[in-house]
Protein backbone atom coordinates (compact mmCIF):
# COMPACT_ATOMS: atom_id res chain seq x y z
CA MET A 1 70.97 75.38 202.75
CA ALA A 2 69.97 76.68 199.32
CA SER A 3 67.18 79.21 199.30
CA GLY A 4 65.05 76.95 197.10
CA SER A 5 65.00 74.27 199.79
CA LYS A 6 63.92 76.52 202.64
CA GLU A 7 60.59 75.80 204.22
CA ARG A 8 57.98 78.44 203.48
CA VAL A 9 55.73 79.92 206.12
CA GLU A 10 51.99 80.03 205.58
CA LEU A 11 50.41 82.85 207.56
CA LEU A 12 47.45 82.08 209.76
CA GLN A 13 44.50 84.33 209.14
CA GLY A 14 44.92 87.56 211.07
CA THR A 15 48.67 87.26 211.62
CA LEU A 16 49.61 89.42 208.64
CA ASP A 17 47.99 92.47 210.27
CA LEU A 18 50.05 91.87 213.40
CA ILE A 19 53.25 91.43 211.39
CA VAL A 20 52.68 94.59 209.33
CA LEU A 21 51.81 96.71 212.37
CA ARG A 22 54.87 95.51 214.27
CA ALA A 23 57.15 96.06 211.27
CA LEU A 24 55.90 99.61 210.77
CA GLU A 25 56.28 100.31 214.48
CA THR A 26 59.91 99.17 214.50
CA MET A 27 61.03 100.27 211.01
CA GLY A 28 59.06 103.47 210.62
CA PRO A 29 57.11 104.41 207.48
CA GLN A 30 57.64 102.06 204.54
CA HIS A 31 56.28 101.63 201.04
CA ALA A 32 54.71 98.26 200.24
CA TYR A 33 57.62 96.93 198.19
CA GLY A 34 60.18 97.95 200.83
CA LEU A 35 58.04 96.47 203.58
CA ALA A 36 57.65 93.14 201.75
CA ALA A 37 61.36 92.99 200.94
CA ARG A 38 62.36 93.69 204.54
CA LEU A 39 59.95 91.11 205.96
CA GLU A 40 61.19 88.50 203.49
CA GLN A 41 64.77 89.37 204.46
CA VAL A 42 64.30 88.91 208.22
CA ALA A 43 61.91 85.92 208.10
CA GLU A 44 63.30 82.51 208.94
CA PRO A 45 62.00 80.27 207.49
CA SER A 46 61.29 82.29 204.39
CA LEU A 47 58.14 84.33 204.08
CA THR A 48 56.91 85.41 200.67
CA LEU A 49 54.50 88.32 200.55
CA ASN A 50 53.05 88.88 197.12
CA GLN A 51 51.04 91.92 196.11
CA GLY A 52 47.82 89.93 196.30
CA THR A 53 48.52 89.30 199.98
CA LEU A 54 50.15 92.50 201.17
CA TYR A 55 48.12 95.21 199.41
CA PRO A 56 44.72 94.05 200.70
CA ALA A 57 46.18 93.98 204.23
CA LEU A 58 47.50 97.54 203.83
CA VAL A 59 44.11 98.73 202.54
CA ARG A 60 42.31 96.95 205.42
CA LEU A 61 44.66 98.44 208.03
CA GLU A 62 44.31 101.92 206.53
CA GLN A 63 40.51 101.64 206.48
CA ARG A 64 40.59 100.72 210.18
CA GLY A 65 42.71 103.78 210.89
CA TRP A 66 45.62 101.66 212.16
CA ILE A 67 48.02 102.92 209.48
CA LYS A 68 48.09 106.07 207.38
CA GLY A 69 49.46 106.32 203.87
CA SER A 70 51.03 109.31 202.17
CA TRP A 71 52.65 109.68 198.76
CA GLN A 72 56.39 110.33 198.79
CA ARG A 73 59.44 109.84 196.61
CA THR A 74 61.46 106.64 197.03
CA GLU A 75 65.23 106.33 197.09
CA THR A 76 65.05 105.81 193.31
CA ASN A 77 62.96 108.98 192.84
CA ARG A 78 59.70 107.17 192.13
CA GLU A 79 56.33 108.03 193.68
CA ALA A 80 55.17 105.45 196.24
CA LYS A 81 52.67 105.37 199.03
CA TYR A 82 54.43 105.15 202.38
CA TYR A 83 52.54 103.67 205.30
CA GLY A 84 53.09 104.54 208.94
CA ILE A 85 51.44 103.24 212.09
CA THR A 86 48.96 105.53 213.87
CA ARG A 87 48.20 105.85 217.60
CA ALA A 88 45.12 103.68 217.07
CA GLY A 89 47.38 101.20 215.27
CA ARG A 90 49.73 101.04 218.25
CA ARG A 91 46.79 100.30 220.54
CA ALA A 92 45.55 97.64 218.11
CA LEU A 93 49.06 96.19 217.94
CA ASP A 94 49.15 95.83 221.72
CA LYS A 95 45.78 94.06 221.72
CA GLN A 96 46.66 91.82 218.76
CA ALA A 97 50.03 90.91 220.29
CA GLU A 98 48.39 89.92 223.58
CA ARG A 99 45.79 87.86 221.69
CA TRP A 100 48.59 86.14 219.76
CA ARG A 101 50.55 85.38 222.94
CA ARG A 102 47.48 83.76 224.52
CA LEU A 103 46.83 81.67 221.41
CA ALA A 104 50.48 80.65 221.09
CA GLY A 105 50.52 79.72 224.79
CA LEU A 106 47.45 77.55 224.35
CA VAL A 107 48.91 75.78 221.31
CA GLU A 108 52.21 75.24 223.14
CA LYS A 109 50.38 73.82 226.16
CA LEU A 110 48.42 71.44 223.92
CA LEU A 111 51.57 70.33 222.12
CA LEU A 112 53.39 69.65 225.41
CA ASN A 113 50.50 67.51 226.63
CA GLU A 114 50.67 65.14 223.66
CA SER A 115 50.52 61.47 224.54
């Protein structure tokens, strides 16, 4: 299937925070471009994260204390802000993941009960 014909995913409100927290937990500290590229790489169907979507989420998560940013050099020797998950972020991830599982379970139950 050509990449142009892949179905795109639209994120439900609130899911981007969960995705970013989980990615940082599993991948370790990442800069925004690297994070977006990696998420697009592993997503099936395709997920496109533009700067207008990802950067506000990173700012929001940092303001909540769930991630912490620090300036470092990239592989190409450029300055970039790397984000890593904090202890509070791990706790929030656990809560958000449980909330998501309950919601997904409810939706699945409703879909199975279709007439």
